PDB file of N, CA and C in Angstrom:
ATOM      1  N   MET A   1       9.004   5.230  -8.840  1.00  0.00           N
ATOM      2  CA  MET A   1       7.682   6.163  -9.454  1.00  0.00           C
ATOM      3  C   MET A   1       6.899   6.315  -8.355  1.00  0.00           C
ATOM      4  N   ARG A   2       6.033   7.781  -7.574  1.00  0.00           N
ATOM      5  CA  ARG A   2       4.797   7.728  -6.679  1.00  0.00           C
ATOM      6  C   ARG A   2       3.990   7.662  -7.670  1.00  0.00           C
ATOM      7  N   LEU A   3       3.086   6.775  -6.674  1.00  0.00           N
ATOM      8  CA  LEU A   3       1.652   6.446  -7.421  1.00  0.00           C
ATOM      9  C   LEU A   3       0.998   7.488  -7.691  1.00  0.00           C
ATOM     10  N   ALA A   4       1.121   8.334  -7.467  1.00  0.00           N
ATOM     11  CA  ALA A   4       0.292   9.709  -8.028  1.00  0.00           C
ATOM     12  C   ALA A   4       0.943  10.096  -9.369  1.00  0.00           C
ATOM     13  N   ASP A   5       1.748  10.146  -9.527  1.00  0.00           N
ATOM     14  CA  ASP A   5       2.346  10.335 -10.974  1.00  0.00           C
ATOM     15  C   ASP A   5       1.851   9.122 -11.661  1.00  0.00           C
ATOM     16  N   ARG A   6       2.142   7.532 -11.572  1.00  0.00           N
ATOM     17  CA  ARG A   6       1.934   6.762 -12.519  1.00  0.00           C
ATOM     18  C   ARG A   6       0.326   6.980 -12.508  1.00  0.00           C
ATOM     19  N   VAL A   7      -0.479   7.445 -11.783  1.00  0.00           N
ATOM     20  CA  VAL A   7      -1.863   7.773 -12.344  1.00  0.00           C
ATOM     21  C   VAL A   7      -2.650   9.250 -13.575  1.00  0.00           C
ATOM     22  N   GLN A   8      -1.011   9.649 -13.165  1.00  0.00           N
ATOM     23  CA  GLN A   8      -1.468  10.755 -14.052  1.00  0.00           C
ATOM     24  C   GLN A   8      -0.713  10.061 -14.958  1.00  0.00           C
ATOM     25  N   VAL A   9       0.512   9.455 -15.579  1.00  0.00           N
ATOM     26  CA  VAL A   9       0.525   9.112 -16.652  1.00  0.00           C
ATOM     27  C   VAL A   9      -0.426   8.241 -17.095  1.00  0.00           C
ATOM     28  N   ASN A  10      -1.149   7.327 -16.568  1.00  0.00           N
ATOM     29  CA  ASN A  10      -2.438   6.286 -17.021  1.00  0.00           C
ATOM     30  C   ASN A  10      -3.793   7.566 -17.743  1.00  0.00           C
ATOM     31  N   VAL A  11      -4.318   8.621 -17.083  1.00  0.00           N
ATOM     32  CA  VAL A  11      -4.687   9.620 -17.103  1.00  0.00           C
ATOM     33  C   VAL A  11      -4.333   9.977 -18.616  1.00  0.00           C
ATOM     34  N   ASN A  12      -3.275  10.695 -18.706  1.00  0.00           N
ATOM     35  CA  ASN A  12      -2.603  10.884 -19.920  1.00  0.00           C
ATOM     36  C   ASN A  12      -2.788  10.050 -21.013  1.00  0.00           C
ATOM     37  N   ASN A  13      -2.204   8.776 -21.123  1.00  0.00           N
ATOM     38  CA  ASN A  13      -2.562   8.189 -21.533  1.00  0.00           C
ATOM     39  C   ASN A  13      -4.057   7.328 -22.029  1.00  0.00           C
ATOM     40  N   VAL A  14      -4.754   6.686 -21.321  1.00  0.00           N
ATOM     41  CA  VAL A  14      -6.206   7.026 -21.659  1.00  0.00           C
ATOM     42  C   VAL A  14      -6.420   8.496 -22.242  1.00  0.00           C
ATOM     43  N   ALA A  15      -6.345   9.717 -22.095  1.00  0.00           N
ATOM     44  CA  ALA A  15      -6.546  10.446 -22.727  1.00  0.00           C
ATOM     45  C   ALA A  15      -6.374  10.531 -24.486  1.00  0.00           C
ATOM     46  N   SER A  16      -4.998   9.788 -24.526  1.00  0.00           N
ATOM     47  CA  SER A  16      -4.211   9.966 -26.337  1.00  0.00           C
ATOM     48  C   SER A  16      -5.260   8.792 -26.634  1.00  0.00           C
ATOM     49  N   LEU A  17      -5.172   7.887 -25.854  1.00  0.00           N
ATOM     50  CA  LEU A  17      -6.282   6.715 -26.475  1.00  0.00           C
ATOM     51  C   LEU A  17      -7.693   7.212 -27.142  1.00  0.00           C
ATOM     52  N   ALA A  18      -8.201   7.429 -26.441  1.00  0.00           N
ATOM     53  CA  ALA A  18      -9.292   7.704 -26.067  1.00  0.00           C
ATOM     54  C   ALA A  18      -9.199   9.237 -27.817  1.00  0.00           C
ATOM     55  N   ARG A  19      -9.164   9.879 -27.390  1.00  0.00           N
ATOM     56  CA  ARG A  19      -8.459  10.651 -29.300  1.00  0.00           C
ATOM     57  C   ARG A  19      -8.322   9.968 -30.046  1.00  0.00           C
ATOM     58  N   GLN A  20      -7.462   9.105 -29.916  1.00  0.00           N
ATOM     59  CA  GLN A  20      -7.391   8.199 -31.140  1.00  0.00           C
ATOM     60  C   GLN A  20      -8.750   7.444 -31.906  1.00  0.00           C
ATOM     61  N   ILE A  21      -9.629   6.688 -30.459  1.00  0.00           N
ATOM     62  CA  ILE A  21     -10.306   6.211 -31.045  1.00  0.00           C
ATOM     63  C   ILE A  21     -11.499   7.019 -31.130  1.00  0.00           C
ATOM     64  N   VAL A  22     -11.506   8.099 -30.940  1.00  0.00           N
ATOM     65  CA  VAL A  22     -12.716   8.559 -32.021  1.00  0.00           C
ATOM     66  C   VAL A  22     -12.719   8.814 -33.138  1.00  0.00           C
ATOM     67  N   ARG A  23     -11.418   8.753 -33.756  1.00  0.00           N
ATOM     68  CA  ARG A  23     -11.008   9.001 -35.139  1.00  0.00           C
ATOM     69  C   ARG A  23     -10.979   7.808 -35.783  1.00  0.00           C
ATOM     70  N   GLY A  24     -10.905   6.325 -35.374  1.00  0.00           N
ATOM     71  CA  GLY A  24     -11.227   5.199 -35.769  1.00  0.00           C
ATOM     72  C   GLY A  24     -12.962   5.024 -35.712  1.00  0.00           C
ATOM     73  N   SER A  25     -12.812   3.471 -36.039  1.00  0.00           N
ATOM     74  CA  SER A  25     -14.174   3.037 -36.853  1.00  0.00           C
ATOM     75  C   SER A  25     -14.371   2.734 -35.335  1.00  0.00           C
ATOM     76  N   LYS A  26     -15.643   2.347 -34.714  1.00  0.00           N
ATOM     77  CA  LYS A  26     -16.472   1.692 -33.441  1.00  0.00           C
ATOM     78  C   LYS A  26     -15.640   2.508 -32.659  1.00  0.00           C
ATOM     79  N   SER A  27     -15.524   4.058 -32.336  1.00  0.00           N
ATOM     80  CA  SER A  27     -15.397   4.424 -31.384  1.00  0.00           C
ATOM     81  C   SER A  27     -15.765   4.722 -30.344  1.00  0.00           C
ATOM     82  N   ASN A  28     -16.915   4.858 -30.630  1.00  0.00           N
ATOM     83  CA  ASN A  28     -17.848   4.872 -29.272  1.00  0.00           C
ATOM     84  C   ASN A  28     -18.200   3.176 -28.309  1.00  0.00           C
ATOM     85  N   GLU A  29     -17.845   2.111 -28.627  1.00  0.00           N
ATOM     86  CA  GLU A  29     -18.067   0.970 -29.121  1.00  0.00           C
ATOM     87  C   GLU A  29     -16.469   1.034 -27.622  1.00  0.00           C
ATOM     88  N   ILE A  30     -15.735   1.068 -28.167  1.00  0.00           N
ATOM     89  CA  ILE A  30     -13.793   0.516 -27.966  1.00  0.00           C
ATOM     90  C   ILE A  30     -14.004   1.973 -26.892  1.00  0.00           C
ATOM     91  N   LEU A  31     -14.657   2.927 -27.105  1.00  0.00           N
ATOM     92  CA  LEU A  31     -14.084   4.422 -26.011  1.00  0.00           C
ATOM     93  C   LEU A  31     -14.580   3.845 -24.547  1.00  0.00           C
ATOM     94  N   MET A  32     -16.381   2.974 -25.015  1.00  0.00           N
ATOM     95  CA  MET A  32     -16.860   2.798 -23.136  1.00  0.00           C
ATOM     96  C   MET A  32     -16.006   1.746 -22.914  1.00  0.00           C
ATOM     97  N   HIS A  33     -15.341   0.645 -24.030  1.00  0.00           N
ATOM     98  CA  HIS A  33     -14.923  -0.375 -23.332  1.00  0.00           C
ATOM     99  C   HIS A  33     -13.454   0.110 -22.535  1.00  0.00           C
ATOM    100  N   SER A  34     -13.001   0.898 -23.034  1.00  0.00           N
ATOM    101  CA  SER A  34     -11.790   1.573 -22.594  1.00  0.00           C
ATOM    102  C   SER A  34     -12.042   2.452 -20.926  1.00  0.00           C
ATOM    103  N   ILE A  35     -13.335   3.105 -21.127  1.00  0.00           N
ATOM    104  CA  ILE A  35     -13.599   3.565 -19.959  1.00  0.00           C
ATOM    105  C   ILE A  35     -13.707   2.863 -18.741  1.00  0.00           C
ATOM    106  N   ARG A  36     -14.831   1.587 -19.384  1.00  0.00           N
ATOM    107  CA  ARG A  36     -14.366   0.891 -18.131  1.00  0.00           C
ATOM    108  C   ARG A  36     -13.364  -0.119 -17.130  1.00  0.00           C
ATOM    109  N   ASN A  37     -12.488   0.056 -18.624  1.00  0.00           N
ATOM    110  CA  ASN A  37     -11.407  -0.482 -18.097  1.00  0.00           C
ATOM    111  C   ASN A  37     -10.548   0.493 -17.269  1.00  0.00           C
ATOM    112  N   PHE A  38     -10.413   1.488 -17.804  1.00  0.00           N
ATOM    113  CA  PHE A  38      -9.944   2.552 -16.305  1.00  0.00           C
ATOM    114  C   PHE A  38     -10.532   2.866 -15.829  1.00  0.00           C
ATOM    115  N   ALA A  39     -11.880   2.738 -15.447  1.00  0.00           N
ATOM    116  CA  ALA A  39     -12.559   3.351 -14.081  1.00  0.00           C
ATOM    117  C   ALA A  39     -12.374   1.721 -12.929  1.00  0.00           C
ATOM    118  N   MET A  40     -12.360   0.813 -13.819  1.00  0.00           N
ATOM    119  CA  MET A  40     -12.101  -0.153 -12.687  1.00  0.00           C
ATOM    120  C   MET A  40     -10.205  -0.166 -12.176  1.00  0.00           C
ATOM    121  N   GLN A  41      -9.659  -0.051 -12.843  1.00  0.00           N
ATOM    122  CA  GLN A  41      -8.072   0.378 -12.835  1.00  0.00           C
ATOM    123  C   GLN A  41      -7.960   1.328 -11.933  1.00  0.00           C
ATOM    124  N   GLU A  42      -8.840   2.537 -11.912  1.00  0.00           N
ATOM    125  CA  GLU A  42      -8.551   4.023 -10.679  1.00  0.00           C
ATOM    126  C   GLU A  42      -8.835   2.825  -9.484  1.00  0.00           C
ATOM    127  N   HIS A  43     -10.430   2.086  -9.482  1.00  0.00           N
ATOM    128  CA  HIS A  43     -10.309   1.457  -8.222  1.00  0.00           C
ATOM    129  C   HIS A  43      -9.580   0.460  -7.632  1.00  0.00           C
ATOM    130  N   ALA A  44      -9.023  -0.256  -8.347  1.00  0.00           N
ATOM    131  CA  ALA A  44      -8.249  -1.146  -7.955  1.00  0.00           C
ATOM    132  C   ALA A  44      -6.742  -0.415  -7.537  1.00  0.00           C
ATOM    133  N   ILE A  45      -6.047   0.695  -8.188  1.00  0.00           N
ATOM    134  CA  ILE A  45      -4.815   1.781  -7.174  1.00  0.00           C
ATOM    135  C   ILE A  45      -5.657   2.241  -6.228  1.00  0.00           C
ATOM    136  N   GLU A  46      -7.153   2.608  -5.836  1.00  0.00           N
ATOM    137  CA  GLU A  46      -7.130   3.606  -4.872  1.00  0.00           C
ATOM    138  C   GLU A  46      -6.906   2.157  -3.178  1.00  0.00           C
ATOM    139  N   ASN A  47      -7.609   1.180  -4.050  1.00  0.00           N
ATOM    140  CA  ASN A  47      -7.788   0.112  -3.477  1.00  0.00           C
ATOM    141  C   ASN A  47      -5.658  -0.097  -3.078  1.00  0.00           C
ATOM    142  N   SER A  48      -5.055  -0.376  -3.647  1.00  0.00           N
ATOM    143  CA  SER A  48      -3.939  -0.321  -3.281  1.00  0.00           C
ATOM    144  C   SER A  48      -3.284   0.506  -2.894  1.00  0.00           C
ATOM    145  N   GLU A  49      -3.995   1.865  -2.368  1.00  0.00           N
ATOM    146  CA  GLU A  49      -3.331   2.839  -1.469  1.00  0.00           C
ATOM    147  C   GLU A  49      -4.004   2.951  -0.406  1.00  0.00           C
ATOM    148  N   ALA A  50      -5.072   2.432   0.043  1.00  0.00           N
ATOM    149  CA  ALA A  50      -5.805   2.303   1.108  1.00  0.00           C
ATOM    150  C   ALA A  50      -4.526   0.605   1.997  1.00  0.00           C
ATOM    151  N   ASN A  51      -4.749  -0.496   1.340  1.00  0.00           N
ATOM    152  CA  ASN A  51      -3.657  -1.012   1.900  1.00  0.00           C
ATOM    153  C   ASN A  51      -2.738  -0.744   1.858  1.00  0.00           C
ATOM    154  N   LEU A  52      -1.601  -0.282   1.292  1.00  0.00           N
ATOM    155  CA  LEU A  52      -0.874   0.714   1.380  1.00  0.00           C
ATOM    156  C   LEU A  52      -0.498   0.964   2.884  1.00  0.00           C
ATOM    157  N   LYS A  53      -1.416   1.980   3.256  1.00  0.00           N
ATOM    158  CA  LYS A  53      -1.693   3.068   4.241  1.00  0.00           C
ATOM    159  C   LYS A  53      -1.713   1.699   5.289  1.00  0.00           C
ATOM    160  N   LYS A  54      -2.647   0.570   5.672  1.00  0.00           N
ATOM    161  CA  LYS A  54      -3.199   0.076   6.546  1.00  0.00           C
ATOM    162  C   LYS A  54      -1.595  -0.513   6.885  1.00  0.00           C
ATOM    163  N   LEU A  55      -1.088  -1.466   5.703  1.00  0.00           N
ATOM    164  CA  LEU A  55       0.189  -1.936   6.046  1.00  0.00           C
ATOM    165  C   LEU A  55       1.351  -1.115   6.777  1.00  0.00           C
ATOM    166  N   GLN A  56       1.449   0.447   6.243  1.00  0.00           N
ATOM    167  CA  GLN A  56       2.120   1.174   7.490  1.00  0.00           C
ATOM    168  C   GLN A  56       1.670   1.219   8.478  1.00  0.00           C
ATOM    169  N   LEU A  57       0.696   1.412   8.821  1.00  0.00           N
ATOM    170  CA  LEU A  57       0.329   1.006  10.386  1.00  0.00           C
ATOM    171  C   LEU A  57       0.690   0.270  11.097  1.00  0.00           C
ATOM    172  N   LEU A  58       0.518  -1.165  10.300  1.00  0.00           N
ATOM    173  CA  LEU A  58       0.679  -2.341  10.840  1.00  0.00           C
ATOM    174  C   LEU A  58       2.393  -2.851  11.358  1.00  0.00           C
ATOM    175  N   SER A  59       3.016  -2.114  10.065  1.00  0.00           N
ATOM    176  CA  SER A  59       4.183  -2.035  10.417  1.00  0.00           C
ATOM    177  C   SER A  59       5.032  -1.612  11.492  1.00  0.00           C
ATOM    178  N   VAL A  60       4.415  -0.264  11.782  1.00  0.00           N
ATOM    179  CA  VAL A  60       4.831   0.816  13.029  1.00  0.00           C
ATOM    180  C   VAL A  60       4.119   0.350  14.181  1.00  0.00           C
ATOM    181  N   HIS A  61       2.779  -0.797  13.960  1.00  0.00           N
ATOM    182  CA  HIS A  61       2.060  -1.213  15.246  1.00  0.00           C
ATOM    183  C   HIS A  61       3.634  -2.495  15.538  1.00  0.00           C
ATOM    184  N   LEU A  62       4.262  -2.845  14.890  1.00  0.00           N
ATOM    185  CA  LEU A  62       4.754  -4.489  15.167  1.00  0.00           C
ATOM    186  C   LEU A  62       6.441  -3.335  15.398  1.00  0.00           C
ATOM    187  N   GLY A  63       6.379  -2.656  14.734  1.00  0.00           N
ATOM    188  CA  GLY A  63       7.857  -2.093  15.985  1.00  0.00           C
ATOM    189  C   GLY A  63       8.108  -1.559  16.955  1.00  0.00           C
ATOM    190  N   TYR A  64       6.665  -1.259  17.698  1.00  0.00           N
ATOM    191  CA  TYR A  64       5.713  -0.971  18.986  1.00  0.00           C
ATOM    192  C   TYR A  64       6.347  -2.399  19.586  1.00  0.00           C
ATOM    193  N   GLN A  65       5.682  -3.021  19.193  1.00  0.00           N
ATOM    194  CA  GLN A  65       5.348  -4.717  20.276  1.00  0.00           C
ATOM    195  C   GLN A  65       6.861  -5.692  20.128  1.00  0.00           C
ATOM    196  N   HIS A  66       7.834  -4.931  19.179  1.00  0.00           N
ATOM    197  CA  HIS A  66       9.170  -5.452  19.258  1.00  0.00           C
ATOM    198  C   HIS A  66      10.005  -4.633  20.073  1.00  0.00           C
ATOM    199  N   ASP A  67       9.635  -3.685  20.200  1.00  0.00           N
ATOM    200  CA  ASP A  67      10.420  -3.105  20.959  1.00  0.00           C
ATOM    201  C   ASP A  67       9.713  -3.301  22.592  1.00  0.00           C
ATOM    202  N   SER A  68       8.666  -3.833  22.794  1.00  0.00           N
ATOM    203  CA  SER A  68       8.009  -4.113  23.926  1.00  0.00           C
ATOM    204  C   SER A  68       8.764  -5.513  24.601  1.00  0.00           C
ATOM    205  N   VAL A  69       8.999  -6.533  23.163  1.00  0.00           N
ATOM    206  CA  VAL A  69       9.052  -7.721  23.740  1.00  0.00           C
ATOM    207  C   VAL A  69      11.063  -7.646  23.618  1.00  0.00           C
ATOM    208  N   LEU A  70      11.512  -6.669  23.656  1.00  0.00           N
ATOM    209  CA  LEU A  70      13.076  -6.253  24.011  1.00  0.00           C
ATOM    210  C   LEU A  70      13.033  -5.767  25.164  1.00  0.00           C
ATOM    211  N   ARG A  71      11.948  -5.003  25.719  1.00  0.00           N
ATOM    212  CA  ARG A  71      12.533  -4.629  26.994  1.00  0.00           C
ATOM    213  C   ARG A  71      11.703  -5.779  28.084  1.00  0.00           C
ATOM    214  N   SER A  72      11.250  -6.560  27.487  1.00  0.00           N
ATOM    215  CA  SER A  72      10.372  -7.496  28.622  1.00  0.00           C
ATOM    216  C   SER A  72      11.663  -8.551  28.527  1.00  0.00           C
ATOM    217  N   ALA A  73      12.531  -9.067  27.367  1.00  0.00           N
ATOM    218  CA  ALA A  73      13.363 -10.043  27.728  1.00  0.00           C
ATOM    219  C   ALA A  73      14.403  -9.492  28.270  1.00  0.00           C
ATOM    220  N   GLN A  74      14.862  -8.226  28.445  1.00  0.00           N
ATOM    221  CA  GLN A  74      15.521  -7.161  28.876  1.00  0.00           C
ATOM    222  C   GLN A  74      15.562  -7.265  30.701  1.00  0.00           C
ATOM    223  N   GLN A  75      14.345  -7.564  30.916  1.00  0.00           N
ATOM    224  CA  GLN A  75      14.025  -7.335  32.283  1.00  0.00           C
ATOM    225  C   GLN A  75      13.522  -8.540  32.735  1.00  0.00           C
ATOM    226  N   LEU A  76      13.541  -9.694  32.295  1.00  0.00           N
ATOM    227  CA  LEU A  76      13.490 -10.777  32.162  1.00  0.00           C
ATOM    228  C   LEU A  76      15.031 -11.369  32.810  1.00  0.00           C
ATOM    229  N   GLU A  77      15.975 -11.241  32.153  1.00  0.00           N
ATOM    230  CA  GLU A  77      17.621 -11.188  32.315  1.00  0.00           C
ATOM    231  C   GLU A  77      17.303 -10.616  33.750  1.00  0.00           C
ATOM    232  N   GLU A  78      17.547  -9.393  33.751  1.00  0.00           N
ATOM    233  CA  GLU A  78      17.759  -8.458  35.673  1.00  0.00           C
ATOM    234  C   GLU A  78      16.798  -9.312  36.407  1.00  0.00           C
ATOM    235  N   VAL A  79      15.641 -10.280  35.876  1.00  0.00           N
ATOM    236  CA  VAL A  79      14.899 -10.735  37.076  1.00  0.00           C
ATOM    237  C   VAL A  79      15.541 -11.964  37.603  1.00  0.00           C
ATOM    238  N   LYS A  80      16.387 -12.842  36.469  1.00  0.00           N
ATOM    239  CA  LYS A  80      17.069 -13.959  36.623  1.00  0.00           C
ATOM    240  C   LYS A  80      18.180 -13.865  37.272  1.00  0.00           C
ATOM    241  N   GLU A  81      19.008 -12.427  37.126  1.00  0.00           N
ATOM    242  CA  GLU A  81      20.206 -12.183  37.380  1.00  0.00           C
ATOM    243  C   GLU A  81      19.589 -11.557  39.368  1.00  0.00           C
ATOM    244  N   GLN A  82      18.818 -11.544  40.006  1.00  0.00           N
ATOM    245  CA  GLN A  82      18.109 -10.854  41.068  1.00  0.00           C
ATOM    246  C   GLN A  82      17.897 -12.056  41.759  1.00  0.00           C
ATOM    247  N   VAL A  83      17.613 -13.067  40.795  1.00  0.00           N
ATOM    248  CA  VAL A  83      17.032 -14.504  41.522  1.00  0.00           C
ATOM    249  C   VAL A  83      18.358 -15.319  41.788  1.00  0.00           C
ATOM    250  N   ARG A  84      19.001 -15.134  40.763  1.00  0.00           N
ATOM    251  CA  ARG A  84      20.465 -15.698  41.052  1.00  0.00           C
ATOM    252  C   ARG A  84      21.387 -14.936  42.634  1.00  0.00           C
ATOM    253  N   ALA A  85      21.415 -14.039  42.691  1.00  0.00           N
ATOM    254  CA  ALA A  85      21.672 -13.343  43.894  1.00  0.00           C
ATOM    255  C   ALA A  85      20.724 -13.836  45.300  1.00  0.00           C
ATOM    256  N   MET A  86      19.606 -13.763  45.120  1.00  0.00           N
ATOM    257  CA  MET A  86      19.053 -14.405  46.458  1.00  0.00           C
ATOM    258  C   MET A  86      19.407 -15.724  46.770  1.00  0.00           C
ATOM    259  N   GLN A  87      19.564 -16.449  45.592  1.00  0.00           N
ATOM    260  CA  GLN A  87      19.714 -17.716  46.014  1.00  0.00           C
ATOM    261  C   GLN A  87      21.146 -18.111  46.661  1.00  0.00           C
ATOM    262  N   ARG A  88      22.063 -16.893  46.698  1.00  0.00           N
ATOM    263  CA  ARG A  88      24.145 -17.044  47.037  1.00  0.00           C
ATOM    264  C   ARG A  88      23.512 -16.852  48.357  1.00  0.00           C
TER     265      ARG A  88
END
C-alpha cells in the first residue's frame, strides 16, 4: 500500500472517529486529543517520507561508488598485467 493511500485511510478513520466522538460524552476533550495525535502522526509520516527520499538518493550514490570501485579494481588488474609483462 502506498504511503499516500495509508494517509488517506488514516484521514478517513480520523473523520469517522471524530463523528462518533461528537455524538458521545466528553466529545470536545477526546476530539482535541485525537486531533493532536493525528497532527503528530502526520508529522511523523512527513519525516518518514523525507527519510525515504534521502535513503533513495543514498542508494543511487552507493551504486555509483560501487561501479567506480569495480572499474578501479579492473584497471588495477590491467596495470598488474602490464607490470608483469614489463618484468619479463
